[in-house]
N, C-alpha and C. Protein backbone atom coordinates (compact mmCIF):
# COMPACT_ATOMS: atom_id res chain seq x y z
N MET A 1 0.85 -1.32 0.04
CA MET A 1 -0.05 -0.07 0.10
C MET A 1 0.91 1.25 0.03
N LEU A 2 0.56 2.20 -1.01
CA LEU A 2 1.38 3.40 -0.81
C LEU A 2 0.79 4.45 0.06
N GLN A 3 1.60 5.07 0.68
CA GLN A 3 1.04 6.11 1.75
C GLN A 3 2.03 7.34 1.67
N LEU A 4 1.36 8.41 1.58
CA LEU A 4 2.00 9.75 1.54
C LEU A 4 2.29 10.31 2.83
N LEU A 5 3.46 10.58 3.40
CA LEU A 5 3.85 11.00 4.68
C LEU A 5 4.60 12.27 4.69
N PRO A 6 4.14 13.25 5.49
CA PRO A 6 5.00 14.62 5.62
C PRO A 6 6.18 14.40 6.56
N LEU A 7 7.11 14.80 6.28
CA LEU A 7 8.35 14.71 7.07
C LEU A 7 8.91 16.12 7.46
N HIS A 8 9.26 16.18 8.76
CA HIS A 8 9.86 17.23 9.25
C HIS A 8 10.84 17.02 10.26
N LYS A 9 11.88 17.84 10.43
CA LYS A 9 13.12 17.31 11.26
C LYS A 9 12.66 17.41 12.62
N GLU A 10 11.59 18.04 13.10
CA GLU A 10 11.21 18.11 14.44
C GLU A 10 10.15 17.56 14.98
N ASP A 11 8.91 17.63 14.25
CA ASP A 11 7.56 17.20 14.74
C ASP A 11 6.86 16.21 13.87
N GLU A 12 7.39 15.83 12.64
CA GLU A 12 6.67 14.97 11.85
C GLU A 12 7.63 13.86 11.17
N ASN A 13 7.51 12.84 11.64
CA ASN A 13 8.32 11.53 11.24
C ASN A 13 9.88 11.92 11.13
N PRO A 14 10.43 12.60 12.29
CA PRO A 14 11.76 12.95 12.10
C PRO A 14 12.91 11.88 11.71
N ASP A 15 12.63 10.70 12.30
CA ASP A 15 13.35 9.58 12.06
C ASP A 15 13.52 9.33 10.46
N LEU A 16 12.46 9.31 9.74
CA LEU A 16 12.51 9.40 8.39
C LEU A 16 13.15 10.46 7.79
N PHE A 17 12.77 11.69 8.23
CA PHE A 17 13.43 12.92 7.72
C PHE A 17 14.83 12.68 7.53
N TYR A 18 15.50 12.15 8.53
CA TYR A 18 16.93 12.23 8.54
C TYR A 18 17.51 11.00 7.85
N ALA A 19 16.57 9.89 7.54
CA ALA A 19 17.05 8.70 6.96
C ALA A 19 16.96 8.73 5.51
N VAL A 20 16.09 9.76 5.01
CA VAL A 20 15.76 9.68 3.48
C VAL A 20 17.20 10.11 2.84
N PRO A 21 17.78 11.12 3.10
CA PRO A 21 18.89 11.32 2.38
C PRO A 21 19.95 10.16 2.22
N TRP A 22 20.39 10.00 0.95
CA TRP A 22 21.36 8.70 0.66
C TRP A 22 20.63 7.38 0.74
N SER A 23 19.39 7.46 0.97
CA SER A 23 18.69 6.08 1.10
C SER A 23 18.51 5.43 -0.26
N TYR A 24 18.64 6.19 -1.40
CA TYR A 24 18.42 5.74 -2.74
C TYR A 24 17.10 5.04 -3.13
N GLY A 25 16.08 5.52 -2.40
CA GLY A 25 14.78 5.07 -2.78
C GLY A 25 14.38 3.82 -1.88
N THR A 26 15.13 3.41 -1.08
CA THR A 26 14.90 2.22 -0.29
C THR A 26 13.77 2.44 0.64
N LEU A 27 13.66 3.64 1.27
CA LEU A 27 12.67 3.97 2.16
C LEU A 27 11.32 4.73 1.52
N GLY A 28 11.52 5.13 0.31
CA GLY A 28 10.26 5.59 -0.21
C GLY A 28 10.87 6.63 -1.37
N PHE A 29 10.00 7.35 -1.96
CA PHE A 29 10.31 8.31 -2.86
C PHE A 29 9.95 9.74 -2.48
N LEU A 30 10.89 10.66 -2.67
CA LEU A 30 10.59 12.05 -2.24
C LEU A 30 9.60 12.73 -3.37
N THR A 31 8.54 13.31 -3.00
CA THR A 31 7.62 13.80 -3.85
C THR A 31 7.59 15.36 -4.07
N SER A 32 8.03 15.81 -3.06
CA SER A 32 8.32 17.41 -2.97
C SER A 32 8.98 17.78 -1.73
N ALA A 33 9.69 18.85 -1.78
CA ALA A 33 10.45 19.31 -0.56
C ALA A 33 10.61 20.81 -0.63
N GLU A 34 10.71 21.31 0.66
CA GLU A 34 11.03 22.76 0.70
C GLU A 34 12.52 23.02 1.14
N ILE A 35 13.12 23.75 0.33
CA ILE A 35 14.48 23.96 0.65
C ILE A 35 14.89 25.29 0.54
N LYS A 36 16.07 25.65 1.43
CA LYS A 36 16.49 27.07 1.43
C LYS A 36 17.43 27.26 0.32
N ILE A 37 17.48 28.33 -0.33
CA ILE A 37 18.54 28.62 -1.36
C ILE A 37 19.21 29.88 -1.03
N ILE A 38 20.49 30.12 -1.59
CA ILE A 38 21.29 31.28 -1.45
C ILE A 38 21.65 31.70 -2.81
N PRO A 39 22.02 33.09 -3.11
CA PRO A 39 22.42 33.36 -4.29
C PRO A 39 23.67 32.84 -4.70
N ALA A 40 23.68 32.35 -6.01
CA ALA A 40 25.11 31.83 -6.62
C ALA A 40 25.99 33.16 -6.84
N GLN A 41 27.42 32.77 -6.60
CA GLN A 41 28.19 33.89 -7.16
C GLN A 41 29.27 33.34 -8.08
N ARG A 42 29.95 34.19 -8.61
CA ARG A 42 30.86 33.82 -9.80
C ARG A 42 31.99 32.77 -9.65
N TYR A 43 32.39 32.86 -8.27
CA TYR A 43 33.85 32.11 -7.98
C TYR A 43 33.63 31.33 -6.60
N VAL A 44 34.38 30.26 -6.50
CA VAL A 44 34.52 29.69 -5.17
C VAL A 44 36.03 29.98 -4.77
N ARG A 45 36.23 30.65 -3.62
CA ARG A 45 37.51 30.82 -3.08
C ARG A 45 37.85 29.53 -2.35
N LEU A 46 38.77 28.74 -2.81
CA LEU A 46 39.11 27.57 -2.29
C LEU A 46 40.36 27.44 -1.60
N GLU A 47 40.41 26.97 -0.28
CA GLU A 47 41.64 26.86 0.28
C GLU A 47 42.00 25.36 0.61
N TYR A 48 43.31 25.12 0.42
CA TYR A 48 43.61 23.75 0.46
C TYR A 48 44.44 23.43 1.80
N HIS A 49 44.12 22.72 2.80
CA HIS A 49 44.81 22.55 3.93
C HIS A 49 45.34 21.12 4.04
N PRO A 50 46.54 20.81 3.82
CA PRO A 50 47.10 19.38 3.94
C PRO A 50 47.45 19.17 5.37
N TYR A 51 47.23 17.78 5.65
CA TYR A 51 47.33 17.18 6.94
C TYR A 51 48.12 15.92 6.82
N HIS A 52 48.81 15.64 7.86
CA HIS A 52 49.69 14.33 7.89
C HIS A 52 49.46 13.54 9.11
N SER A 53 48.39 13.58 9.76
CA SER A 53 48.07 12.68 10.84
C SER A 53 46.53 12.49 10.74
N LEU A 54 45.98 11.28 11.25
CA LEU A 54 44.74 11.13 11.25
C LEU A 54 43.83 12.07 12.08
N GLU A 55 44.40 12.20 13.38
CA GLU A 55 43.87 13.09 14.26
C GLU A 55 43.54 14.45 13.79
N ASP A 56 44.56 14.86 13.18
CA ASP A 56 44.42 16.42 12.71
C ASP A 56 43.51 16.44 11.45
N ILE A 57 43.51 15.51 10.63
CA ILE A 57 42.57 15.26 9.65
C ILE A 57 41.09 15.35 10.18
N VAL A 58 40.77 14.44 11.06
CA VAL A 58 39.41 14.50 11.58
C VAL A 58 39.08 15.87 12.41
N LYS A 59 40.01 16.21 13.03
CA LYS A 59 39.87 17.53 13.82
C LYS A 59 39.43 18.68 12.91
N ALA A 60 40.36 18.72 11.94
CA ALA A 60 40.17 19.87 10.90
C ALA A 60 38.74 19.92 10.12
N PHE A 61 38.45 18.67 9.78
CA PHE A 61 37.22 18.45 9.10
C PHE A 61 36.04 18.76 9.85
N GLU A 62 36.10 18.45 11.17
CA GLU A 62 34.97 18.71 12.12
C GLU A 62 34.87 20.10 12.36
N THR A 63 35.97 20.78 12.68
CA THR A 63 36.01 22.13 12.98
C THR A 63 35.60 22.97 11.80
N GLU A 64 35.85 22.63 10.38
CA GLU A 64 35.65 23.56 9.32
C GLU A 64 34.27 23.24 9.10
N SER A 65 33.62 22.04 9.27
CA SER A 65 32.30 21.72 8.85
C SER A 65 31.37 22.50 9.79
N ARG A 66 31.69 22.97 11.01
CA ARG A 66 30.98 23.57 11.96
C ARG A 66 30.99 25.37 11.87
N ARG A 67 31.99 25.58 10.93
CA ARG A 67 32.19 26.96 10.77
C ARG A 67 31.02 27.47 9.74
N PRO A 68 30.09 28.60 10.23
CA PRO A 68 29.07 29.07 9.48
C PRO A 68 29.37 29.82 8.16
N ASP A 69 30.80 30.45 8.22
CA ASP A 69 31.11 30.93 7.01
C ASP A 69 31.65 30.17 5.78
N ASN A 70 31.80 28.84 5.95
CA ASN A 70 32.14 27.95 4.86
C ASN A 70 30.97 27.52 4.18
N HIS A 71 30.87 27.71 2.84
CA HIS A 71 29.82 27.29 1.81
C HIS A 71 30.21 25.68 1.51
N PHE A 72 31.37 25.52 1.47
CA PHE A 72 31.76 23.89 1.00
C PHE A 72 32.89 23.53 1.81
N VAL A 73 32.75 22.13 2.35
CA VAL A 73 33.89 21.59 2.99
C VAL A 73 34.00 20.20 2.52
N GLU A 74 35.34 19.82 1.95
CA GLU A 74 35.53 18.44 1.35
C GLU A 74 36.87 17.98 1.75
N CYS A 75 36.97 16.68 1.90
CA CYS A 75 38.39 16.14 2.23
C CYS A 75 38.52 15.00 1.19
N LEU A 76 39.85 15.07 0.78
CA LEU A 76 40.32 13.80 -0.03
C LEU A 76 41.41 13.19 0.73
N MET A 77 41.31 11.97 1.17
CA MET A 77 42.29 11.14 1.82
C MET A 77 42.98 10.32 0.85
N PHE A 78 44.39 10.47 0.81
CA PHE A 78 45.20 9.61 -0.20
C PHE A 78 46.01 8.44 0.72
N ALA A 79 45.92 8.48 1.82
CA ALA A 79 46.30 7.31 2.79
C ALA A 79 45.81 7.50 4.06
N LYS A 80 45.89 6.55 4.96
CA LYS A 80 45.25 6.86 6.39
C LYS A 80 45.54 8.07 7.16
N ASP A 81 46.81 8.48 6.83
CA ASP A 81 47.33 9.89 7.46
C ASP A 81 47.83 10.85 6.63
N GLN A 82 47.15 10.89 5.38
CA GLN A 82 47.52 11.85 4.33
C GLN A 82 46.25 12.30 3.69
N ALA A 83 45.85 13.68 3.91
CA ALA A 83 44.85 14.06 3.41
C ALA A 83 44.89 15.54 3.23
N VAL A 84 43.92 16.19 2.29
CA VAL A 84 43.90 17.61 2.15
C VAL A 84 42.30 18.03 2.39
N VAL A 85 42.25 18.81 3.29
CA VAL A 85 40.78 19.44 3.62
C VAL A 85 40.73 20.69 2.87
N MET A 86 39.57 20.67 2.01
CA MET A 86 39.30 21.92 1.37
C MET A 86 38.16 22.81 1.81
N THR A 87 38.21 24.10 1.78
CA THR A 87 36.98 24.93 2.38
C THR A 87 36.90 25.97 1.35
N GLY A 88 35.70 26.14 0.95
CA GLY A 88 35.32 26.99 -0.03
C GLY A 88 34.19 27.95 0.45
N THR A 89 34.33 29.22 -0.13
CA THR A 89 33.31 30.28 -0.01
C THR A 89 32.97 30.97 -1.28
N MET A 90 31.80 31.16 -1.71
CA MET A 90 31.48 31.77 -2.98
C MET A 90 31.44 33.38 -2.86
N GLU A 91 32.36 33.79 -4.03
CA GLU A 91 32.53 35.24 -4.19
C GLU A 91 32.25 35.78 -5.40
N ASN A 92 32.00 36.88 -5.66
CA ASN A 92 31.84 37.74 -6.93
C ASN A 92 33.30 37.95 -7.64
N GLY A 93 34.16 38.38 -6.73
CA GLY A 93 35.58 38.74 -7.35
C GLY A 93 36.52 37.79 -7.19
N CYS A 94 37.79 37.78 -7.80
CA CYS A 94 38.82 37.04 -7.53
C CYS A 94 40.24 37.77 -7.65
N GLU A 95 41.22 37.16 -7.16
CA GLU A 95 42.37 37.74 -7.25
C GLU A 95 43.05 37.17 -8.81
N PRO A 96 43.34 37.67 -9.69
CA PRO A 96 43.69 37.26 -11.07
C PRO A 96 44.76 36.37 -11.07
N ASP A 97 45.79 36.47 -10.15
CA ASP A 97 46.85 35.53 -10.18
C ASP A 97 46.56 34.27 -9.47
N LYS A 98 45.46 34.17 -8.91
CA LYS A 98 44.98 32.92 -8.25
C LYS A 98 43.82 32.30 -8.97
N LEU A 99 43.49 32.65 -9.88
CA LEU A 99 42.29 32.07 -10.74
C LEU A 99 42.69 30.92 -11.37
N ASN A 100 42.03 29.73 -11.30
CA ASN A 100 42.28 28.40 -11.75
C ASN A 100 41.02 27.88 -12.41
N VAL A 101 41.07 27.86 -13.73
CA VAL A 101 39.82 27.54 -14.53
C VAL A 101 40.10 25.90 -14.81
N ILE A 102 39.72 25.10 -14.02
CA ILE A 102 40.03 23.63 -14.01
C ILE A 102 39.29 22.97 -15.09
N SER A 103 38.38 23.55 -15.72
CA SER A 103 37.55 22.86 -16.65
C SER A 103 38.36 22.75 -17.99
N LYS A 104 39.40 23.51 -18.16
CA LYS A 104 40.24 23.34 -19.49
C LYS A 104 40.75 22.08 -19.56
N TRP A 105 40.52 21.50 -20.97
CA TRP A 105 41.02 20.23 -21.24
C TRP A 105 42.29 19.74 -20.92
N TYR A 106 43.26 20.88 -20.77
CA TYR A 106 44.69 20.41 -20.62
C TYR A 106 45.14 20.55 -19.14
N LYS A 107 43.98 20.78 -18.34
CA LYS A 107 44.38 20.96 -16.82
C LYS A 107 44.52 19.68 -16.23
N PRO A 108 45.40 19.58 -15.19
CA PRO A 108 45.62 18.21 -14.39
C PRO A 108 44.18 17.78 -13.83
N TRP A 109 43.99 16.61 -13.75
CA TRP A 109 42.78 15.96 -13.02
C TRP A 109 42.66 16.57 -11.67
N PHE A 110 41.51 16.83 -11.20
CA PHE A 110 41.39 17.50 -9.96
C PHE A 110 41.87 16.92 -8.82
N PHE A 111 41.75 15.55 -8.60
CA PHE A 111 42.27 14.90 -7.47
C PHE A 111 43.74 14.78 -7.47
N THR A 112 44.42 14.85 -8.62
CA THR A 112 45.93 14.82 -8.78
C THR A 112 46.47 16.31 -8.31
N HIS A 113 45.66 17.16 -8.76
CA HIS A 113 45.94 18.65 -8.31
C HIS A 113 45.88 18.87 -6.86
N VAL A 114 44.94 18.26 -6.24
CA VAL A 114 44.68 18.29 -4.91
C VAL A 114 45.94 17.63 -4.19
N ARG A 115 46.21 16.48 -4.64
CA ARG A 115 47.31 15.71 -4.03
C ARG A 115 48.58 16.37 -4.02
N GLY A 116 48.87 17.32 -4.90
CA GLY A 116 50.09 18.21 -4.86
C GLY A 116 50.24 18.99 -3.77
N PHE A 117 49.19 19.41 -3.03
CA PHE A 117 49.21 20.32 -1.91
C PHE A 117 49.71 19.46 -0.63
N LEU A 118 49.86 18.06 -0.78
CA LEU A 118 50.57 17.51 0.42
C LEU A 118 51.95 17.85 0.44
N LYS A 119 52.60 18.27 -0.69
CA LYS A 119 54.02 18.60 -0.80
C LYS A 119 54.19 20.10 -0.73
N ARG A 120 53.16 20.86 -1.43
CA ARG A 120 53.44 22.21 -1.55
C ARG A 120 53.00 22.88 -0.22
N GLY A 121 52.04 22.31 0.42
CA GLY A 121 51.53 22.93 1.55
C GLY A 121 50.24 23.90 1.26
N HIS A 122 49.91 24.73 2.17
CA HIS A 122 48.69 25.31 2.22
C HIS A 122 48.71 26.23 0.86
N GLY A 123 47.32 26.40 0.24
CA GLY A 123 47.30 27.13 -0.87
C GLY A 123 45.82 27.66 -0.98
N THR A 124 45.69 28.87 -1.85
CA THR A 124 44.35 29.29 -2.00
C THR A 124 44.20 29.46 -3.54
N GLU A 125 43.06 29.20 -4.03
CA GLU A 125 42.75 29.47 -5.51
C GLU A 125 41.25 29.95 -5.54
N TYR A 126 40.95 30.55 -6.80
CA TYR A 126 39.60 30.94 -7.17
C TYR A 126 39.25 30.12 -8.31
N ILE A 127 38.20 29.41 -8.30
CA ILE A 127 37.69 28.45 -9.28
C ILE A 127 36.20 28.94 -9.68
N PRO A 128 35.96 29.27 -10.98
CA PRO A 128 34.56 29.60 -11.40
C PRO A 128 33.49 28.55 -10.94
N LEU A 129 32.54 29.00 -10.44
CA LEU A 129 31.44 28.12 -9.81
C LEU A 129 31.01 26.90 -10.57
N ARG A 130 30.87 27.07 -11.77
CA ARG A 130 30.40 25.97 -12.66
C ARG A 130 31.51 24.83 -12.78
N ASP A 131 32.86 25.38 -12.83
CA ASP A 131 34.00 24.54 -12.70
C ASP A 131 34.06 23.77 -11.55
N TYR A 132 33.83 24.37 -10.42
CA TYR A 132 33.89 23.85 -8.95
C TYR A 132 32.89 22.70 -8.96
N TYR A 133 31.68 22.92 -9.44
CA TYR A 133 30.65 22.01 -9.37
C TYR A 133 30.99 20.73 -10.10
N HIS A 134 31.81 20.89 -11.24
CA HIS A 134 32.31 19.74 -12.08
C HIS A 134 33.65 19.38 -11.88
N ARG A 135 34.08 19.71 -10.83
CA ARG A 135 35.57 19.35 -10.50
C ARG A 135 36.10 17.98 -10.62
N HIS A 136 35.07 16.97 -10.25
CA HIS A 136 35.28 15.65 -10.48
C HIS A 136 34.84 14.97 -11.78
N THR A 137 34.28 15.86 -12.64
CA THR A 137 33.57 15.24 -13.80
C THR A 137 34.61 14.68 -14.90
N ARG A 138 35.68 15.28 -15.31
CA ARG A 138 36.62 14.93 -16.37
C ARG A 138 37.26 13.70 -15.84
N PRO A 139 37.78 13.41 -14.68
CA PRO A 139 38.53 12.15 -14.24
C PRO A 139 37.58 11.24 -13.61
N LEU A 140 36.18 11.49 -13.65
CA LEU A 140 35.28 10.46 -13.11
C LEU A 140 35.69 10.17 -11.63
N PHE A 141 35.84 11.28 -10.89
CA PHE A 141 36.49 11.59 -9.59
C PHE A 141 38.00 10.90 -9.78
N TRP A 142 38.29 9.75 -9.30
CA TRP A 142 39.51 9.06 -9.64
C TRP A 142 39.44 7.87 -10.37
N GLU A 143 38.33 7.61 -10.91
CA GLU A 143 38.14 6.29 -11.62
C GLU A 143 38.95 6.26 -12.89
N ALA A 144 39.16 7.43 -13.57
CA ALA A 144 39.83 7.51 -14.88
C ALA A 144 41.26 7.00 -14.77
N GLU A 145 41.82 7.09 -13.53
CA GLU A 145 43.22 6.66 -13.42
C GLU A 145 43.24 5.24 -13.61
N HIS A 146 42.28 4.46 -13.30
CA HIS A 146 42.38 3.03 -13.48
C HIS A 146 41.92 2.71 -14.89
N ILE A 147 41.06 3.33 -15.50
CA ILE A 147 40.50 3.27 -16.94
C ILE A 147 41.55 3.59 -17.98
N ILE A 148 42.21 4.78 -17.76
CA ILE A 148 43.23 5.37 -18.59
C ILE A 148 44.51 5.73 -17.85
N PRO A 149 45.22 4.72 -17.52
CA PRO A 149 46.49 5.01 -16.56
C PRO A 149 47.32 6.22 -17.04
N PHE A 150 47.48 6.53 -18.28
CA PHE A 150 48.23 7.50 -18.90
C PHE A 150 47.44 8.78 -19.17
N GLY A 151 46.20 8.89 -18.70
CA GLY A 151 45.41 9.97 -19.22
C GLY A 151 45.81 11.39 -18.51
N ASN A 152 46.46 11.26 -17.43
CA ASN A 152 46.72 12.47 -16.82
C ASN A 152 48.04 13.03 -17.28
N SER A 153 48.69 12.49 -18.18
CA SER A 153 50.09 12.92 -18.66
C SER A 153 49.92 14.05 -19.27
N PRO A 154 50.70 15.02 -19.41
CA PRO A 154 50.66 16.46 -20.08
C PRO A 154 50.45 16.26 -21.42
N LEU A 155 51.06 15.19 -22.11
CA LEU A 155 50.93 15.04 -23.62
C LEU A 155 49.50 14.67 -23.89
N PHE A 156 49.07 13.71 -23.16
CA PHE A 156 47.53 13.09 -23.38
C PHE A 156 46.54 14.32 -23.11
N ARG A 157 46.67 14.84 -22.06
CA ARG A 157 45.78 16.03 -21.68
C ARG A 157 45.84 17.03 -22.88
N TYR A 158 46.95 17.47 -23.25
CA TYR A 158 46.97 18.45 -24.31
C TYR A 158 46.44 18.13 -25.59
N LEU A 159 46.68 16.84 -25.99
CA LEU A 159 46.14 16.27 -27.34
C LEU A 159 44.77 15.79 -27.16
N CYS A 160 44.39 15.07 -26.17
CA CYS A 160 43.25 14.30 -26.04
C CYS A 160 42.29 14.67 -25.03
N GLY A 161 42.81 15.66 -24.20
CA GLY A 161 41.98 15.89 -22.87
C GLY A 161 40.56 16.32 -23.05
N TRP A 162 40.24 16.79 -24.32
CA TRP A 162 39.01 17.06 -24.70
C TRP A 162 38.04 16.03 -24.72
N MET A 163 38.47 14.81 -24.83
CA MET A 163 37.55 13.61 -25.00
C MET A 163 37.11 13.17 -23.61
N MET A 164 37.75 13.72 -22.62
CA MET A 164 37.37 13.26 -21.18
C MET A 164 36.05 13.94 -20.67
N PRO A 165 35.28 13.25 -20.01
CA PRO A 165 35.33 11.93 -19.56
C PRO A 165 34.97 10.95 -20.57
N PRO A 166 35.48 9.72 -20.55
CA PRO A 166 34.92 8.76 -21.54
C PRO A 166 33.61 8.26 -21.33
N LYS A 167 32.90 7.88 -22.07
CA LYS A 167 31.48 7.34 -21.94
C LYS A 167 31.80 5.93 -21.31
N VAL A 168 31.20 5.67 -20.00
CA VAL A 168 31.47 4.45 -19.40
C VAL A 168 30.65 3.23 -20.29
N ALA A 169 29.61 3.50 -20.70
CA ALA A 169 28.83 2.39 -21.49
C ALA A 169 29.81 1.99 -22.61
N LEU A 170 30.37 2.80 -23.29
CA LEU A 170 31.32 2.35 -24.45
C LEU A 170 32.55 1.63 -23.80
N LEU A 171 33.00 2.01 -22.62
CA LEU A 171 34.05 1.10 -22.14
C LEU A 171 33.61 -0.13 -21.78
N LYS A 172 32.39 -0.36 -21.19
CA LYS A 172 31.86 -1.53 -20.89
C LYS A 172 31.84 -2.59 -22.24
N ILE A 173 31.66 -1.95 -23.24
CA ILE A 173 31.51 -2.92 -24.33
C ILE A 173 32.93 -3.49 -24.79
N THR A 174 34.04 -2.74 -24.71
CA THR A 174 35.20 -3.11 -25.06
C THR A 174 36.11 -3.68 -23.84
N GLU A 175 35.36 -3.99 -22.75
CA GLU A 175 36.01 -4.53 -21.51
C GLU A 175 36.24 -5.93 -21.74
N THR A 176 37.36 -6.48 -21.34
CA THR A 176 37.72 -7.90 -21.36
C THR A 176 37.07 -8.57 -20.09
N LYS A 177 37.07 -9.94 -20.32
CA LYS A 177 36.50 -10.63 -19.19
C LYS A 177 37.46 -10.65 -18.00
N ALA A 178 38.72 -10.54 -18.22
CA ALA A 178 39.86 -10.39 -17.26
C ALA A 178 39.53 -9.11 -16.33
N ILE A 179 39.32 -7.95 -16.99
CA ILE A 179 39.21 -6.71 -16.41
C ILE A 179 37.89 -6.71 -15.64
N THR A 180 36.90 -7.28 -16.20
CA THR A 180 35.52 -7.39 -15.44
C THR A 180 35.59 -8.16 -14.29
N GLU A 181 36.23 -9.21 -14.09
CA GLU A 181 36.52 -10.14 -13.04
C GLU A 181 37.45 -9.39 -11.94
N LEU A 182 38.37 -8.50 -12.46
CA LEU A 182 39.25 -7.74 -11.64
C LEU A 182 38.35 -6.64 -10.90
N TYR A 183 37.61 -6.10 -11.68
CA TYR A 183 36.69 -4.96 -11.02
C TYR A 183 35.82 -5.64 -10.02
N GLU A 184 35.25 -6.77 -10.28
CA GLU A 184 34.30 -7.61 -9.36
C GLU A 184 35.17 -7.86 -8.02
N LYS A 185 36.26 -8.17 -8.16
CA LYS A 185 36.82 -8.78 -7.01
C LYS A 185 37.68 -7.61 -5.98
N SER A 186 38.00 -6.54 -6.80
CA SER A 186 38.84 -5.49 -6.10
C SER A 186 38.30 -4.22 -6.20
N HIS A 187 37.18 -3.82 -6.63
CA HIS A 187 36.80 -2.60 -7.06
C HIS A 187 35.63 -2.21 -6.11
N ILE A 188 35.73 -1.11 -5.32
CA ILE A 188 34.63 -0.76 -4.55
C ILE A 188 34.20 0.75 -4.59
N ILE A 189 33.05 0.92 -4.86
CA ILE A 189 32.49 2.22 -4.88
C ILE A 189 31.35 2.35 -3.87
N GLN A 190 31.43 2.84 -2.69
CA GLN A 190 30.42 2.81 -1.60
C GLN A 190 30.13 4.23 -1.07
N ASP A 191 28.93 4.70 -1.14
CA ASP A 191 28.52 5.97 -0.43
C ASP A 191 27.89 5.52 1.07
N MET A 192 28.48 6.32 1.87
CA MET A 192 28.05 6.21 3.33
C MET A 192 27.74 7.40 3.97
N LEU A 193 26.79 7.42 4.89
CA LEU A 193 26.47 8.56 5.72
C LEU A 193 26.92 8.11 7.11
N VAL A 194 27.98 8.71 7.56
CA VAL A 194 28.53 8.58 8.84
C VAL A 194 28.38 9.59 9.80
N PRO A 195 27.91 9.55 11.10
CA PRO A 195 28.04 10.68 12.05
C PRO A 195 29.33 11.11 12.20
N ILE A 196 29.67 12.32 12.20
CA ILE A 196 30.94 12.92 12.26
C ILE A 196 31.68 12.48 13.69
N ARG A 197 30.92 12.11 14.62
CA ARG A 197 31.55 11.72 15.85
C ARG A 197 32.28 10.32 15.67
N ALA A 198 31.84 9.34 14.56
CA ALA A 198 32.17 8.10 14.27
C ALA A 198 33.24 8.02 13.21
N LEU A 199 33.58 9.31 12.71
CA LEU A 199 34.38 9.42 11.48
C LEU A 199 35.88 8.81 11.73
N LYS A 200 36.38 8.93 12.73
CA LYS A 200 37.81 8.49 12.97
C LYS A 200 37.71 6.77 13.06
N ASP A 201 36.80 6.31 13.86
CA ASP A 201 36.61 4.98 13.98
C ASP A 201 36.31 4.29 12.52
N SER A 202 35.44 4.96 11.89
CA SER A 202 35.03 4.39 10.57
C SER A 202 36.13 4.44 9.53
N ILE A 203 37.10 5.21 9.50
CA ILE A 203 38.21 5.38 8.61
C ILE A 203 39.22 4.46 9.09
N LEU A 204 39.48 4.14 10.42
CA LEU A 204 40.33 3.09 10.84
C LEU A 204 39.78 1.72 10.44
N HIS A 205 38.46 1.49 10.67
CA HIS A 205 37.79 0.22 10.24
C HIS A 205 38.04 -0.05 8.70
N PHE A 206 37.64 0.92 7.90
CA PHE A 206 37.67 0.74 6.44
C PHE A 206 39.06 0.43 5.94
N HIS A 207 40.04 1.04 6.62
CA HIS A 207 41.42 1.00 6.40
C HIS A 207 41.92 -0.47 6.56
N GLN A 208 41.53 -0.98 7.67
CA GLN A 208 42.02 -2.32 8.13
C GLN A 208 41.24 -3.34 7.40
N ALA A 209 39.89 -3.12 6.98
CA ALA A 209 39.24 -4.13 6.15
C ALA A 209 39.54 -4.30 4.75
N VAL A 210 39.61 -2.96 4.05
CA VAL A 210 39.73 -3.09 2.68
C VAL A 210 41.03 -2.05 2.18
N GLN A 211 41.43 -1.29 2.96
CA GLN A 211 42.59 -0.39 2.67
C GLN A 211 42.15 0.53 1.32
N VAL A 212 41.19 1.25 1.60
CA VAL A 212 40.68 2.27 0.60
C VAL A 212 41.08 3.58 0.84
N HIS A 213 40.99 4.38 -0.34
CA HIS A 213 40.95 5.68 -0.12
C HIS A 213 39.82 6.37 0.12
N TYR A 214 39.48 7.43 0.75
CA TYR A 214 38.31 8.01 1.12
C TYR A 214 38.22 9.31 0.62
N HIS A 215 36.83 9.89 0.52
CA HIS A 215 36.39 11.18 0.05
C HIS A 215 35.19 11.43 0.78
N PHE A 216 35.26 12.52 1.70
CA PHE A 216 34.17 12.93 2.49
C PHE A 216 33.96 14.46 2.28
N HIS A 217 32.77 14.77 2.46
CA HIS A 217 32.35 16.20 2.41
C HIS A 217 31.13 16.59 2.94
N GLN A 218 31.14 17.93 3.24
CA GLN A 218 29.67 18.53 3.74
C GLN A 218 29.64 19.70 2.80
N THR A 219 28.46 19.82 2.11
CA THR A 219 28.38 20.90 1.05
C THR A 219 27.42 21.84 1.47
N VAL A 220 27.25 22.87 0.76
CA VAL A 220 26.59 24.09 1.10
C VAL A 220 25.86 24.11 2.39
N GLN A 221 26.26 24.93 3.14
CA GLN A 221 25.49 25.07 4.43
C GLN A 221 24.70 26.40 4.35
N VAL A 222 23.45 26.54 4.60
CA VAL A 222 22.50 27.53 4.41
C VAL A 222 22.10 28.12 5.77
N HIS A 223 22.31 29.41 6.11
CA HIS A 223 21.89 29.87 7.48
C HIS A 223 20.94 30.97 7.22
């Protein structure tokens, strides 16, 4: 039997209200929603904060997520104790020498660009808003590194970068049986909603169980 339920975070089915995000339709289908919006601006001022210990990573991510002036908070982990926490705010102006139009076909893949800050240290850039929203599109987050291992080389990017991202359906057609079996046995893509208080324990558990890299974020906070 189908039933239409109102959801509210305080007084109408609050448990379902908080469970629906990331439930992928397993609890029901969202038919309408009231959301707050804020004016979009031309650029995202993005700061890169590299960290080299799990304690510092978790503390920084939690601290930045609670700051009301951050519009975007994202973290890419490249090892259990190697990560870059990124904080972004939307702005209409930018410093020309810090502008990075990351959508250009010859630009490095975003996750490799971020990884470079582990060695370079703290940095600040201005990224056009549309480019920022599509920062993981060209490299399919970091899937492209496994599909086209040479795809981030300067020569490939300059000559063929305009072809990225490849159409996954086409790649599946040309995929060999051995590659398919390799993906099935060793390839994991999993979205999880984890309470921030359990973030450190979750990372340690996943690292011990499957030794994967992690991407976690908190996006646009509206006040």
